[in-house]
Amino acid sequence: MKYLNVKTLSALIIAVCCLVFEANAQTAKPKAKPAAPAKNAKAKTTTPAAATTVADTTKTTAAAPATPAIPKTASGIVDAFFKKYKDEGTSGAIDYLFATNKYFTNPAGISQLKAKLDSLRQGIGTYLGKDLIVQKNASNSLVFYSYLVKHEVQPIRFTFIFYKPQNEWVLYRFKYDDQMDAELEEAGRINNKHP
């Protein structure tokens, strides 16, 4: 069984936390301008609600695939994250998770996080599933989830904190580690003495 030494793991966790804090502190980039109207549409009308309709229905053009909507609940975001983690791997899952918060604008940091998690996954085998360790609500606007993420060789832990500043949940913090066994051993000690 392959284990990471404590110094390497500590440095990895600190680096991930620093990246998340740094990304969270940056300001959002301005939104891109809407796409130019299609040239082959004969007549378009815009309603006051900014909905666009095309009067010519004889020509149909293939529309670009719509980006899937982000779920309305924090638990829905977590479920979608784990589906992507299983189906698309680390990159798709992390991209999806960080896309929930427009203030995470550090692509280099996110790429580094994906590379480190991918590297860890290579040593711990295929993803097998997840178990909820704990879910806590600090308020109606801040929620914490901790999951045991099962792989063939050993588990890792994913920790998510979501924040709801107004109407939508966004990622506030994400980290992962593989120190559950050390915590369990510590919890099993009587008066801090190893049995």
C-alpha atoms as a PDB file:
ATOM      1  CA  MET A   1       0.000   0.000   0.000  1.00  0.00           C
ATOM      2  CA  LYS A   2       1.399   3.369  -0.981  1.00  0.00           C
ATOM      3  CA  TYR A   3       1.291   6.122   1.656  1.00  0.00           C
ATOM      4  CA  LEU A   4       2.256   9.769   1.511  1.00  0.00           C
ATOM      5  CA  ASN A   5       4.582  11.008   4.223  1.00  0.00           C
ATOM      6  CA  VAL A   6       3.209  13.540   6.693  1.00  0.00           C
ATOM      7  CA  LYS A   7       5.388  16.447   5.482  1.00  0.00           C
ATOM      8  CA  THR A   8       4.332  15.964   1.858  1.00  0.00           C
ATOM      9  CA  LEU A   9       0.675  15.658   2.784  1.00  0.00           C
ATOM     10  CA  SER A  10       0.818  18.688   5.098  1.00  0.00           C
ATOM     11  CA  ALA A  11       2.440  20.753   2.355  1.00  0.00           C
ATOM     12  CA  LEU A  12      -0.204  19.565  -0.112  1.00  0.00           C
ATOM     13  CA  ILE A  13      -3.091  20.485   2.198  1.00  0.00           C
ATOM     14  CA  ILE A  14      -1.586  23.892   2.960  1.00  0.00           C
ATOM     15  CA  ALA A  15      -1.030  24.539  -0.756  1.00  0.00           C
ATOM     16  CA  VAL A  16      -4.637  23.622  -1.591  1.00  0.00           C
ATOM     17  CA  CYS A  17      -5.989  25.830   1.195  1.00  0.00           C
ATOM     18  CA  CYS A  18      -3.799  28.730   0.061  1.00  0.00           C
ATOM     19  CA  LEU A  19      -4.996  28.313  -3.515  1.00  0.00           C
ATOM     20  CA  VAL A  20      -8.625  28.321  -2.414  1.00  0.00           C
ATOM     21  CA  PHE A  21      -8.142  31.396  -0.213  1.00  0.00           C
ATOM     22  CA  GLU A  22      -6.243  33.190  -2.982  1.00  0.00           C
ATOM     23  CA  ALA A  23      -8.867  32.346  -5.568  1.00  0.00           C
ATOM     24  CA  ASN A  24     -11.655  33.404  -3.217  1.00  0.00           C
ATOM     25  CA  ALA A  25     -10.011  36.782  -2.604  1.00  0.00           C
ATOM     26  CA  GLN A  26      -9.757  37.765  -6.254  1.00  0.00           C
ATOM     27  CA  THR A  27     -12.460  39.807  -7.917  1.00  0.00           C
ATOM     28  CA  ALA A  28     -14.723  38.458 -10.620  1.00  0.00           C
ATOM     29  CA  LYS A  29     -13.908  39.039 -14.255  1.00  0.00           C
ATOM     30  CA  PRO A  30     -16.449  41.044 -16.263  1.00  0.00           C
ATOM     31  CA  LYS A  31     -19.060  38.970 -17.988  1.00  0.00           C
ATOM     32  CA  ALA A  32     -18.629  38.297 -21.686  1.00  0.00           C
ATOM     33  CA  LYS A  33     -20.876  40.112 -24.137  1.00  0.00           C
ATOM     34  CA  PRO A  34     -23.782  38.103 -25.547  1.00  0.00           C
ATOM     35  CA  ALA A  35     -23.196  36.372 -28.858  1.00  0.00           C
ATOM     36  CA  ALA A  36     -24.013  38.261 -32.040  1.00  0.00           C
ATOM     37  CA  PRO A  37     -27.421  37.524 -33.554  1.00  0.00           C
ATOM     38  CA  ALA A  38     -27.601  34.794 -36.175  1.00  0.00           C
ATOM     39  CA  LYS A  39     -27.423  36.058 -39.781  1.00  0.00           C
ATOM     40  CA  ASN A  40     -29.803  33.502 -41.256  1.00  0.00           C
ATOM     41  CA  ALA A  41     -32.827  34.443 -39.136  1.00  0.00           C
ATOM     42  CA  LYS A  42     -35.326  36.478 -41.161  1.00  0.00           C
ATOM     43  CA  ALA A  43     -37.180  38.306 -38.412  1.00  0.00           C
ATOM     44  CA  LYS A  44     -36.572  38.597 -34.710  1.00  0.00           C
ATOM     45  CA  THR A  45     -38.587  40.295 -32.060  1.00  0.00           C
ATOM     46  CA  THR A  46     -37.579  40.917 -28.504  1.00  0.00           C
ATOM     47  CA  THR A  47     -40.070  41.014 -25.692  1.00  0.00           C
ATOM     48  CA  PRO A  48     -39.605  43.288 -22.702  1.00  0.00           C
ATOM     49  CA  ALA A  49     -38.377  40.260 -20.737  1.00  0.00           C
ATOM     50  CA  ALA A  50     -35.428  40.003 -23.181  1.00  0.00           C
ATOM     51  CA  ALA A  51     -36.632  36.740 -24.693  1.00  0.00           C
ATOM     52  CA  THR A  52     -35.787  36.306 -28.369  1.00  0.00           C
ATOM     53  CA  THR A  53     -38.080  34.568 -30.826  1.00  0.00           C
ATOM     54  CA  VAL A  54     -37.472  33.712 -34.461  1.00  0.00           C
ATOM     55  CA  ALA A  55     -40.332  34.269 -36.899  1.00  0.00           C
ATOM     56  CA  ASP A  56     -38.898  32.027 -39.665  1.00  0.00           C
ATOM     57  CA  THR A  57     -39.496  28.431 -38.585  1.00  0.00           C
ATOM     58  CA  THR A  58     -38.743  26.880 -41.963  1.00  0.00           C
ATOM     59  CA  LYS A  59     -34.977  26.898 -41.321  1.00  0.00           C
ATOM     60  CA  THR A  60     -33.674  25.270 -38.231  1.00  0.00           C
ATOM     61  CA  THR A  61     -30.111  25.588 -37.151  1.00  0.00           C
ATOM     62  CA  ALA A  62     -28.368  23.378 -34.651  1.00  0.00           C
ATOM     63  CA  ALA A  63     -28.045  25.194 -31.371  1.00  0.00           C
ATOM     64  CA  ALA A  64     -24.991  24.829 -29.208  1.00  0.00           C
ATOM     65  CA  PRO A  65     -25.558  22.406 -26.340  1.00  0.00           C
ATOM     66  CA  ALA A  66     -26.808  24.215 -23.290  1.00  0.00           C
ATOM     67  CA  THR A  67     -24.625  24.268 -20.214  1.00  0.00           C
ATOM     68  CA  PRO A  68     -26.325  22.153 -17.572  1.00  0.00           C
ATOM     69  CA  ALA A  69     -27.933  24.241 -14.881  1.00  0.00           C
ATOM     70  CA  ILE A  70     -26.294  24.184 -11.480  1.00  0.00           C
ATOM     71  CA  PRO A  71     -28.602  22.549  -8.927  1.00  0.00           C
ATOM     72  CA  LYS A  72     -30.455  24.836  -6.541  1.00  0.00           C
ATOM     73  CA  THR A  73     -29.277  23.095  -3.351  1.00  0.00           C
ATOM     74  CA  ALA A  74     -25.834  22.543  -1.867  1.00  0.00           C
ATOM     75  CA  SER A  75     -26.504  18.800  -1.685  1.00  0.00           C
ATOM     76  CA  GLY A  76     -27.492  18.876  -5.368  1.00  0.00           C
ATOM     77  CA  ILE A  77     -24.147  20.480  -6.235  1.00  0.00           C
ATOM     78  CA  VAL A  78     -22.328  17.775  -4.245  1.00  0.00           C
ATOM     79  CA  ASP A  79     -24.298  15.005  -5.993  1.00  0.00           C
ATOM     80  CA  ALA A  80     -23.537  16.484  -9.425  1.00  0.00           C
ATOM     81  CA  PHE A  81     -19.850  16.842  -8.436  1.00  0.00           C
ATOM     82  CA  PHE A  82     -19.577  13.157  -7.515  1.00  0.00           C
ATOM     83  CA  LYS A  83     -21.367  12.095 -10.705  1.00  0.00           C
ATOM     84  CA  LYS A  84     -18.802  14.054 -12.717  1.00  0.00           C
ATOM     85  CA  TYR A  85     -15.974  12.700 -10.535  1.00  0.00           C
ATOM     86  CA  LYS A  86     -17.082   9.177 -11.456  1.00  0.00           C
ATOM     87  CA  ASP A  87     -17.960   9.768 -15.131  1.00  0.00           C
ATOM     88  CA  GLU A  88     -15.537  12.501 -16.238  1.00  0.00           C
ATOM     89  CA  GLY A  89     -12.727  12.257 -13.703  1.00  0.00           C
ATOM     90  CA  THR A  90     -11.077  14.891 -11.582  1.00  0.00           C
ATOM     91  CA  SER A  91     -10.877  17.666 -14.173  1.00  0.00           C
ATOM     92  CA  GLY A  92     -14.566  17.778 -15.069  1.00  0.00           C
ATOM     93  CA  ALA A  93     -15.657  17.517 -11.445  1.00  0.00           C
ATOM     94  CA  ILE A  94     -13.339  20.272 -10.185  1.00  0.00           C
ATOM     95  CA  ASP A  95     -14.214  22.576 -13.101  1.00  0.00           C
ATOM     96  CA  TYR A  96     -17.919  22.083 -12.360  1.00  0.00           C
ATOM     97  CA  LEU A  97     -17.472  22.700  -8.635  1.00  0.00           C
ATOM     98  CA  PHE A  98     -15.448  25.889  -9.008  1.00  0.00           C
ATOM     99  CA  ALA A  99     -17.808  27.184 -11.727  1.00  0.00           C
ATOM    100  CA  THR A 100     -20.497  27.579  -9.061  1.00  0.00           C
ATOM    101  CA  ASN A 101     -18.638  30.637  -7.724  1.00  0.00           C
ATOM    102  CA  LYS A 102     -17.749  33.417 -10.166  1.00  0.00           C
ATOM    103  CA  TYR A 103     -15.095  34.719  -7.761  1.00  0.00           C
ATOM    104  CA  PHE A 104     -12.837  31.701  -8.247  1.00  0.00           C
ATOM    105  CA  THR A 105     -10.811  33.187 -11.090  1.00  0.00           C
ATOM    106  CA  ASN A 106      -7.424  31.564 -10.640  1.00  0.00           C
ATOM    107  CA  PRO A 107      -7.166  29.034 -13.503  1.00  0.00           C
ATOM    108  CA  ALA A 108      -3.540  28.214 -12.685  1.00  0.00           C
ATOM    109  CA  GLY A 109      -4.413  27.376  -9.087  1.00  0.00           C
ATOM    110  CA  ILE A 110      -7.384  25.273 -10.121  1.00  0.00           C
ATOM    111  CA  SER A 111      -5.225  23.432 -12.687  1.00  0.00           C
ATOM    112  CA  GLN A 112      -2.634  22.736  -9.985  1.00  0.00           C
ATOM    113  CA  LEU A 113      -5.352  21.397  -7.672  1.00  0.00           C
ATOM    114  CA  LYS A 114      -6.618  19.080 -10.433  1.00  0.00           C
ATOM    115  CA  ALA A 115      -3.095  17.825 -11.186  1.00  0.00           C
ATOM    116  CA  LYS A 116      -2.385  17.051  -7.511  1.00  0.00           C
ATOM    117  CA  LEU A 117      -5.696  15.272  -7.006  1.00  0.00           C
ATOM    118  CA  ASP A 118      -5.180  13.291 -10.242  1.00  0.00           C
ATOM    119  CA  SER A 119      -1.731  12.275  -9.019  1.00  0.00           C
ATOM    120  CA  LEU A 120      -3.187  11.079  -5.711  1.00  0.00           C
ATOM    121  CA  ARG A 121      -5.939   9.148  -7.521  1.00  0.00           C
ATOM    122  CA  GLN A 122      -3.367   7.233  -9.548  1.00  0.00           C
ATOM    123  CA  GLY A 123      -1.974   5.764  -6.339  1.00  0.00           C
ATOM    124  CA  ILE A 124      -5.268   4.879  -4.659  1.00  0.00           C
ATOM    125  CA  GLY A 125      -7.130   3.130  -7.457  1.00  0.00           C
ATOM    126  CA  THR A 126     -10.555   3.380  -9.003  1.00  0.00           C
ATOM    127  CA  TYR A 127     -13.325   5.453  -7.407  1.00  0.00           C
ATOM    128  CA  LEU A 128     -15.921   3.158  -5.800  1.00  0.00           C
ATOM    129  CA  GLY A 129     -18.375   5.495  -4.095  1.00  0.00           C
ATOM    130  CA  LYS A 130     -18.878   7.934  -1.232  1.00  0.00           C
ATOM    131  CA  ASP A 131     -20.190   7.968   2.329  1.00  0.00           C
ATOM    132  CA  LEU A 132     -21.356  11.089   4.125  1.00  0.00           C
ATOM    133  CA  ILE A 133     -19.274  11.550   7.276  1.00  0.00           C
ATOM    134  CA  VAL A 134     -21.005  14.676   8.556  1.00  0.00           C
ATOM    135  CA  GLN A 135     -23.198  17.506   7.345  1.00  0.00           C
ATOM    136  CA  LYS A 136     -23.596  20.622   9.467  1.00  0.00           C
ATOM    137  CA  ASN A 137     -25.488  23.851   8.964  1.00  0.00           C
ATOM    138  CA  ALA A 138     -23.909  26.923  10.516  1.00  0.00           C
ATOM    139  CA  SER A 139     -26.961  28.890   9.377  1.00  0.00           C
ATOM    140  CA  ASN A 140     -29.443  28.878   6.512  1.00  0.00           C
ATOM    141  CA  SER A 141     -26.663  30.377   4.369  1.00  0.00           C
ATOM    142  CA  LEU A 142     -23.589  28.310   5.289  1.00  0.00           C
ATOM    143  CA  VAL A 143     -23.333  24.526   5.156  1.00  0.00           C
ATOM    144  CA  PHE A 144     -20.474  22.045   5.656  1.00  0.00           C
ATOM    145  CA  TYR A 145     -20.205  18.556   4.115  1.00  0.00           C
ATOM    146  CA  SER A 146     -17.515  15.971   4.770  1.00  0.00           C
ATOM    147  CA  TYR A 147     -17.420  12.797   2.669  1.00  0.00           C
ATOM    148  CA  LEU A 148     -15.400   9.601   2.824  1.00  0.00           C
ATOM    149  CA  VAL A 149     -14.493   9.012  -0.821  1.00  0.00           C
ATOM    150  CA  LYS A 150     -13.903   5.303  -1.389  1.00  0.00           C
ATOM    151  CA  HIS A 151     -11.183   4.099  -3.757  1.00  0.00           C
ATOM    152  CA  GLU A 152      -9.771   0.596  -4.251  1.00  0.00           C
ATOM    153  CA  VAL A 153      -6.586   1.058  -2.201  1.00  0.00           C
ATOM    154  CA  GLN A 154      -7.547   3.625   0.436  1.00  0.00           C
ATOM    155  CA  PRO A 155     -10.149   6.296   1.149  1.00  0.00           C
ATOM    156  CA  ILE A 156      -9.718  10.038   0.980  1.00  0.00           C
ATOM    157  CA  ARG A 157     -11.872  12.769   2.482  1.00  0.00           C
ATOM    158  CA  PHE A 158     -13.499  15.622   0.581  1.00  0.00           C
ATOM    159  CA  THR A 159     -14.654  18.629   2.568  1.00  0.00           C
ATOM    160  CA  PHE A 160     -17.028  21.162   1.019  1.00  0.00           C
ATOM    161  CA  ILE A 161     -18.328  24.422   2.462  1.00  0.00           C
ATOM    162  CA  PHE A 162     -21.113  26.152   0.561  1.00  0.00           C
ATOM    163  CA  TYR A 163     -22.351  29.685   1.035  1.00  0.00           C
ATOM    164  CA  LYS A 164     -25.643  31.219  -0.071  1.00  0.00           C
ATOM    165  CA  PRO A 165     -25.089  34.999  -0.210  1.00  0.00           C
ATOM    166  CA  GLN A 166     -28.480  35.681  -1.792  1.00  0.00           C
ATOM    167  CA  ASN A 167     -30.502  33.087  -3.701  1.00  0.00           C
ATOM    168  CA  GLU A 168     -27.965  30.570  -5.005  1.00  0.00           C
ATOM    169  CA  TRP A 169     -25.512  28.238  -3.324  1.00  0.00           C
ATOM    170  CA  VAL A 170     -21.850  28.674  -4.288  1.00  0.00           C
ATOM    171  CA  LEU A 171     -18.672  26.863  -3.334  1.00  0.00           C
ATOM    172  CA  TYR A 172     -16.913  28.656  -0.489  1.00  0.00           C
ATOM    173  CA  ARG A 173     -14.189  26.123   0.389  1.00  0.00           C
ATOM    174  CA  PHE A 174     -13.037  22.735  -0.913  1.00  0.00           C
ATOM    175  CA  LYS A 175     -10.241  20.541   0.353  1.00  0.00           C
ATOM    176  CA  TYR A 176      -9.238  16.906   0.396  1.00  0.00           C
ATOM    177  CA  ASP A 177      -6.953  14.784   2.547  1.00  0.00           C
ATOM    178  CA  ASP A 178      -6.185  11.191   3.511  1.00  0.00           C
ATOM    179  CA  GLN A 179      -5.676  11.552   7.270  1.00  0.00           C
ATOM    180  CA  MET A 180      -8.840   9.877   8.567  1.00  0.00           C
ATOM    181  CA  ASP A 181      -6.856   6.918   9.936  1.00  0.00           C
ATOM    182  CA  ALA A 182      -4.619   9.205  12.014  1.00  0.00           C
ATOM    183  CA  GLU A 183      -7.674  10.986  13.411  1.00  0.00           C
ATOM    184  CA  LEU A 184      -9.332   7.670  14.300  1.00  0.00           C
ATOM    185  CA  GLU A 185      -6.187   6.463  16.050  1.00  0.00           C
ATOM    186  CA  GLU A 186      -5.996   9.727  17.996  1.00  0.00           C
ATOM    187  CA  ALA A 187      -9.660   9.424  18.976  1.00  0.00           C
ATOM    188  CA  GLY A 188      -9.026   5.883  20.217  1.00  0.00           C
ATOM    189  CA  ARG A 189      -6.338   6.895  22.696  1.00  0.00           C
ATOM    190  CA  ILE A 190      -7.099   7.037  26.392  1.00  0.00           C
ATOM    191  CA  ASN A 191      -5.689  10.175  27.975  1.00  0.00           C
ATOM    192  CA  ASN A 192      -3.578  10.717  24.844  1.00  0.00           C
ATOM    193  CA  LYS A 193      -1.705   7.442  25.460  1.00  0.00           C
ATOM    194  CA  HIS A 194      -1.462   4.931  22.681  1.00  0.00           C
ATOM    195  CA  PRO A 195      -2.967   1.559  23.725  1.00  0.00           C
END
